C-alpha cells in the first residue's frame, strides 16, 4: 500500500513532525487543524467563531489540494477547550456539511496547541 503526502500553502504549515495530510488506503487523513493563518503561521484572534471559520477554511484548502471537497468527508473529530462553545462551533461547522454530514465525535480537552479553542481532524474518502 502506498501513501501520498498532501500539503498546500492554502493551509498552515505543520508546527511539528507531522504532515498536513496523508492519502492511504483510499482515504485522506488530515492532521488536526487549529486556527493558524496560512500566510503568517500566527493564531487568529476573535474567539471561538473566528477560530472555527478559519479552521474550516484551512480544511477546505487541504481537501482541495487532494482533489476533494467537504462532501467527501466521512469522519471528523472536534476537540474543544470548552464544551460551552459546542453550539457556536456546531452552527459554523454545519454550514460546511449541510447535506449528508459525516460521522463525528466532539470532546472537551484540557488544552490545545498554541492556546487554540478548537481543533478539528478529518478523514475523507478519496475518489
C-alpha atoms as a PDB file:
ATOM      1  CA  UNK A   1       0.000   0.000   0.000  1.00  0.00           C
ATOM      2  CA  UNK A   2       1.351   3.407  -0.985  1.00  0.00           C
ATOM      3  CA  UNK A   3       0.889   6.648   0.866  1.00  0.00           C
ATOM      4  CA  UNK A   4       0.951  10.157  -0.558  1.00  0.00           C
ATOM      5  CA  UNK A   5       1.739  13.249   1.485  1.00  0.00           C
ATOM      6  CA  UNK A   6      -0.670  16.139   0.879  1.00  0.00           C
ATOM      7  CA  UNK A   7       0.448  19.707   1.511  1.00  0.00           C
ATOM      8  CA  UNK A   8      -0.616  23.158   0.403  1.00  0.00           C
ATOM      9  CA  UNK A   9       0.088  26.786   1.185  1.00  0.00           C
ATOM     10  CA  UNK A  10      -3.704  27.235   1.476  1.00  0.00           C
ATOM     11  CA  UNK A  11      -3.448  25.795   4.986  1.00  0.00           C
ATOM     12  CA  UNK A  12      -0.917  26.378   7.770  1.00  0.00           C
ATOM     13  CA  UNK A  13       2.378  24.534   7.667  1.00  0.00           C
ATOM     14  CA  UNK A  14       2.811  21.764  10.205  1.00  0.00           C
ATOM     15  CA  UNK A  15       4.102  23.037  13.548  1.00  0.00           C
ATOM     16  CA  UNK A  16       5.653  19.701  14.441  1.00  0.00           C
ATOM     17  CA  UNK A  17       6.876  16.434  12.946  1.00  0.00           C
ATOM     18  CA  UNK A  18       3.688  15.574  11.059  1.00  0.00           C
ATOM     19  CA  UNK A  19       2.167  16.037   7.594  1.00  0.00           C
ATOM     20  CA  UNK A  20      -0.790  18.280   6.821  1.00  0.00           C
ATOM     21  CA  UNK A  21      -2.445  15.255   5.255  1.00  0.00           C
ATOM     22  CA  UNK A  22      -1.803  11.721   4.049  1.00  0.00           C
ATOM     23  CA  UNK A  23      -3.641   9.734   1.379  1.00  0.00           C
ATOM     24  CA  UNK A  24      -3.566   5.995   2.036  1.00  0.00           C
ATOM     25  CA  UNK A  25      -5.854   3.020   1.515  1.00  0.00           C
ATOM     26  CA  UNK A  26      -8.465   5.022  -0.386  1.00  0.00           C
ATOM     27  CA  UNK A  27      -8.746   7.659   2.334  1.00  0.00           C
ATOM     28  CA  UNK A  28      -7.360  11.090   3.095  1.00  0.00           C
ATOM     29  CA  UNK A  29      -6.398  11.690   6.709  1.00  0.00           C
ATOM     30  CA  UNK A  30      -5.917  15.316   7.736  1.00  0.00           C
ATOM     31  CA  UNK A  31      -3.993  16.237  10.850  1.00  0.00           C
ATOM     32  CA  UNK A  32      -5.873  18.235  13.445  1.00  0.00           C
ATOM     33  CA  UNK A  33      -6.351  21.813  12.262  1.00  0.00           C
ATOM     34  CA  UNK A  34      -6.232  24.814  14.565  1.00  0.00           C
ATOM     35  CA  UNK A  35      -6.850  28.444  13.622  1.00  0.00           C
ATOM     36  CA  UNK A  36      -3.433  29.343  12.265  1.00  0.00           C
ATOM     37  CA  UNK A  37      -3.243  31.899   9.473  1.00  0.00           C
ATOM     38  CA  UNK A  38      -1.614  30.110   6.497  1.00  0.00           C
ATOM     39  CA  UNK A  39       0.327  33.249   5.492  1.00  0.00           C
ATOM     40  CA  UNK A  40       1.753  34.172   8.895  1.00  0.00           C
ATOM     41  CA  UNK A  41       1.554  30.977  10.939  1.00  0.00           C
ATOM     42  CA  UNK A  42       0.007  33.006  13.756  1.00  0.00           C
ATOM     43  CA  UNK A  43      -3.191  32.197  15.657  1.00  0.00           C
ATOM     44  CA  UNK A  44      -6.196  34.228  14.601  1.00  0.00           C
ATOM     45  CA  UNK A  45      -7.945  36.318  17.203  1.00  0.00           C
ATOM     46  CA  UNK A  46     -11.638  36.866  17.611  1.00  0.00           C
ATOM     47  CA  UNK A  47     -12.769  33.962  19.761  1.00  0.00           C
ATOM     48  CA  UNK A  48     -14.385  30.649  19.006  1.00  0.00           C
ATOM     49  CA  UNK A  49     -16.438  31.773  15.980  1.00  0.00           C
ATOM     50  CA  UNK A  50     -13.438  33.280  14.177  1.00  0.00           C
ATOM     51  CA  UNK A  51     -11.279  30.259  15.021  1.00  0.00           C
ATOM     52  CA  UNK A  52     -13.875  27.787  13.749  1.00  0.00           C
ATOM     53  CA  UNK A  53     -14.336  29.712  10.482  1.00  0.00           C
ATOM     54  CA  UNK A  54     -10.583  29.711   9.836  1.00  0.00           C
ATOM     55  CA  UNK A  55     -10.198  26.039  10.767  1.00  0.00           C
ATOM     56  CA  UNK A  56     -12.932  25.072   8.303  1.00  0.00           C
ATOM     57  CA  UNK A  57     -11.401  27.293   5.601  1.00  0.00           C
ATOM     58  CA  UNK A  58      -7.976  25.699   6.163  1.00  0.00           C
ATOM     59  CA  UNK A  59      -9.533  22.222   5.979  1.00  0.00           C
ATOM     60  CA  UNK A  60     -11.144  23.222   2.683  1.00  0.00           C
ATOM     61  CA  UNK A  61      -7.729  24.181   1.311  1.00  0.00           C
ATOM     62  CA  UNK A  62      -6.293  20.805   2.223  1.00  0.00           C
ATOM     63  CA  UNK A  63      -9.269  18.932   0.798  1.00  0.00           C
ATOM     64  CA  UNK A  64      -8.897  20.901  -2.453  1.00  0.00           C
ATOM     65  CA  UNK A  65      -5.165  20.109  -2.592  1.00  0.00           C
ATOM     66  CA  UNK A  66      -6.131  16.425  -2.553  1.00  0.00           C
ATOM     67  CA  UNK A  67      -8.795  16.936  -5.238  1.00  0.00           C
ATOM     68  CA  UNK A  68     -11.614  16.520  -2.718  1.00  0.00           C
ATOM     69  CA  UNK A  69     -14.326  18.599  -1.088  1.00  0.00           C
ATOM     70  CA  UNK A  70     -16.391  18.666   2.090  1.00  0.00           C
ATOM     71  CA  UNK A  71     -18.814  16.143   0.559  1.00  0.00           C
ATOM     72  CA  UNK A  72     -16.047  13.527   0.593  1.00  0.00           C
ATOM     73  CA  UNK A  73     -15.527  13.761   4.362  1.00  0.00           C
ATOM     74  CA  UNK A  74     -16.668  10.625   6.197  1.00  0.00           C
ATOM     75  CA  UNK A  75     -15.483  11.254   9.794  1.00  0.00           C
ATOM     76  CA  UNK A  76     -14.481  14.236  11.880  1.00  0.00           C
ATOM     77  CA  UNK A  77     -13.305  14.700  15.418  1.00  0.00           C
ATOM     78  CA  UNK A  78     -13.738  18.076  17.086  1.00  0.00           C
ATOM     79  CA  UNK A  79     -11.673  18.955  20.134  1.00  0.00           C
ATOM     80  CA  UNK A  80     -12.965  21.867  22.216  1.00  0.00           C
ATOM     81  CA  UNK A  81     -11.197  23.675  25.021  1.00  0.00           C
ATOM     82  CA  UNK A  82     -14.659  24.478  26.422  1.00  0.00           C
ATOM     83  CA  UNK A  83     -17.764  22.377  25.745  1.00  0.00           C
ATOM     84  CA  UNK A  84     -19.738  25.566  26.312  1.00  0.00           C
ATOM     85  CA  UNK A  85     -18.635  26.533  22.769  1.00  0.00           C
ATOM     86  CA  UNK A  86     -20.385  23.497  21.273  1.00  0.00           C
ATOM     87  CA  UNK A  87     -23.405  25.377  19.877  1.00  0.00           C
ATOM     88  CA  UNK A  88     -21.278  28.057  18.209  1.00  0.00           C
ATOM     89  CA  UNK A  89     -18.915  25.525  16.636  1.00  0.00           C
ATOM     90  CA  UNK A  90     -21.822  23.297  15.610  1.00  0.00           C
ATOM     91  CA  UNK A  91     -23.544  26.177  13.808  1.00  0.00           C
ATOM     92  CA  UNK A  92     -20.473  27.101  11.775  1.00  0.00           C
ATOM     93  CA  UNK A  93     -19.417  23.501  11.136  1.00  0.00           C
ATOM     94  CA  UNK A  94     -22.951  22.635   9.994  1.00  0.00           C
ATOM     95  CA  UNK A  95     -22.789  25.163   7.140  1.00  0.00           C
ATOM     96  CA  UNK A  96     -19.963  23.136   5.578  1.00  0.00           C
ATOM     97  CA  UNK A  97     -21.839  19.828   5.901  1.00  0.00           C
ATOM     98  CA  UNK A  98     -25.422  20.854   5.135  1.00  0.00           C
ATOM     99  CA  UNK A  99     -26.289  17.546   3.408  1.00  0.00           C
ATOM    100  CA  UNK A 100     -25.209  14.038   4.366  1.00  0.00           C
ATOM    101  CA  UNK A 101     -22.879  15.155   7.156  1.00  0.00           C
ATOM    102  CA  UNK A 102     -20.021  12.881   8.179  1.00  0.00           C
ATOM    103  CA  UNK A 103     -19.866  10.812  11.342  1.00  0.00           C
ATOM    104  CA  UNK A 104     -18.454  12.909  14.175  1.00  0.00           C
ATOM    105  CA  UNK A 105     -17.154  12.915  17.708  1.00  0.00           C
ATOM    106  CA  UNK A 106     -16.785  16.030  19.842  1.00  0.00           C
ATOM    107  CA  UNK A 107     -14.729  16.023  23.010  1.00  0.00           C
ATOM    108  CA  UNK A 108     -13.641  18.608  25.531  1.00  0.00           C
ATOM    109  CA  UNK A 109      -9.913  18.653  26.206  1.00  0.00           C
ATOM    110  CA  UNK A 110      -7.775  20.310  28.843  1.00  0.00           C
ATOM    111  CA  UNK A 111      -5.703  22.233  26.304  1.00  0.00           C
ATOM    112  CA  UNK A 112      -4.876  22.571  22.618  1.00  0.00           C
ATOM    113  CA  UNK A 113      -1.710  23.679  20.797  1.00  0.00           C
ATOM    114  CA  UNK A 114      -1.000  27.405  20.824  1.00  0.00           C
ATOM    115  CA  UNK A 115      -3.918  28.016  23.185  1.00  0.00           C
ATOM    116  CA  UNK A 116      -6.445  27.213  20.453  1.00  0.00           C
ATOM    117  CA  UNK A 117     -10.107  26.951  21.403  1.00  0.00           C
ATOM    118  CA  UNK A 118     -10.964  24.362  18.722  1.00  0.00           C
ATOM    119  CA  UNK A 119      -9.139  21.705  16.703  1.00  0.00           C
ATOM    120  CA  UNK A 120     -10.744  19.566  14.005  1.00  0.00           C
ATOM    121  CA  UNK A 121      -9.377  16.452  12.313  1.00  0.00           C
ATOM    122  CA  UNK A 122     -10.824  14.863   9.201  1.00  0.00           C
ATOM    123  CA  UNK A 123     -10.933  11.574   7.322  1.00  0.00           C
ATOM    124  CA  UNK A 124     -12.265  11.680   3.767  1.00  0.00           C
ATOM    125  CA  UNK A 125     -12.954   9.075   1.099  1.00  0.00           C
ATOM    126  CA  UNK A 126     -10.752   9.536  -1.967  1.00  0.00           C
ATOM    127  CA  UNK A 127     -12.338   9.449  -5.368  1.00  0.00           C
END
